[in-house]
Protein backbone atom coordinates (compact mmCIF):
# COMPACT_ATOMS: atom_id res chain seq x y z
CA UNK A 1 10.40 -7.66 -19.77
CA UNK A 2 8.73 -4.23 -19.88
CA UNK A 3 9.76 -1.97 -16.51
CA UNK A 4 5.28 -2.39 -15.62
CA UNK A 5 6.12 -6.02 -16.00
CA UNK A 6 9.18 -6.11 -13.90
CA UNK A 7 7.56 -3.41 -10.84
CA UNK A 8 4.23 -6.22 -10.77
CA UNK A 9 6.57 -9.12 -10.49
CA UNK A 10 8.13 -7.46 -7.30
CA UNK A 11 5.36 -6.36 -5.94
CA UNK A 12 3.88 -10.62 -6.43
CA UNK A 13 6.60 -11.11 -4.65
CA UNK A 14 6.81 -8.18 -1.59
CA UNK A 15 3.82 -6.64 -1.55
CA UNK A 16 3.87 -7.41 2.31
CA UNK A 17 6.83 -4.96 2.40
CA UNK A 18 5.06 -2.20 0.04
CA UNK A 19 2.16 -2.40 1.81
CA UNK A 20 3.80 -1.91 5.66
CA UNK A 21 6.05 1.38 4.00
CA UNK A 22 2.33 2.58 2.68
CA UNK A 23 1.77 2.12 6.15
CA UNK A 24 4.47 3.90 8.01
CA UNK A 25 4.15 6.58 5.24
CA UNK A 26 0.33 7.30 6.02
CA UNK A 27 1.73 7.20 9.98
CA UNK A 28 3.92 9.42 9.10
CA UNK A 29 2.07 12.00 7.66
CA UNK A 30 -0.89 11.65 9.73
CA UNK A 31 1.52 12.19 12.70
CA UNK A 32 3.40 15.79 10.67
CA UNK A 33 -0.64 16.74 9.80
CA UNK A 34 -1.27 16.20 13.50
CA UNK A 35 -4.52 14.44 11.97
CA UNK A 36 -5.79 17.38 10.11
CA UNK A 37 -5.73 15.26 6.91
CA UNK A 38 -6.61 11.78 8.61
CA UNK A 39 -9.74 11.17 7.04
CA UNK A 40 -7.72 11.55 3.50
CA UNK A 41 -4.73 9.71 4.43
CA UNK A 42 -6.59 6.81 5.36
CA UNK A 43 -8.21 6.91 1.99
CA UNK A 44 -5.53 7.49 0.15
CA UNK A 45 -2.89 4.96 1.63
CA UNK A 46 -6.32 2.37 1.37
CA UNK A 47 -6.19 2.87 -2.27
CA UNK A 48 -2.87 2.81 -2.57
CA UNK A 49 -2.32 -0.56 -1.27
CA UNK A 50 -5.38 -2.25 -3.52
CA UNK A 51 -3.67 -1.01 -6.64
CA UNK A 52 -0.83 -2.53 -5.07
CA UNK A 53 -2.44 -6.11 -4.54
CA UNK A 54 -3.30 -5.62 -7.42
CA UNK A 55 -0.83 -5.63 -9.55
CA UNK A 56 0.93 -7.79 -7.87
CA UNK A 57 -2.02 -10.40 -8.59
CA UNK A 58 -1.11 -9.61 -12.26
CA UNK A 59 2.33 -10.18 -11.96
CA UNK A 60 1.60 -13.60 -10.55
CA UNK A 61 2.52 -13.36 -6.81
CA UNK A 62 -0.45 -13.39 -3.59
CA UNK A 63 -0.73 -10.83 -1.66
CA UNK A 64 -0.63 -10.98 2.19
CA UNK A 65 -0.90 -7.31 2.70
CA UNK A 66 -4.23 -6.02 3.54
CA UNK A 67 -6.12 -3.18 1.99
CA UNK A 68 -6.89 -1.70 5.58
CA UNK A 69 -5.82 1.81 6.61
CA UNK A 70 -2.80 3.09 8.40
CA UNK A 71 -3.34 1.68 12.18
CA UNK A 72 -5.53 -1.46 11.19
CA UNK A 73 -8.50 0.29 9.74
CA UNK A 74 -9.19 2.46 12.77
């Protein structure tokens, strides 16, 4: 089993935790930049969560995390 297969398997099992971590990181970045890059941060976090879900499905897991941006997509 290759490294990518292991990563996909873990994302399949823990995708919801990864998604929450992405949201936390996005919120922190938004806070540190005082909202100057909010739209770019939201867009990037949404894309990261989409990839997390994609790889999680490839790893055989069912994803519970949504693909909304930080703070529930607001």
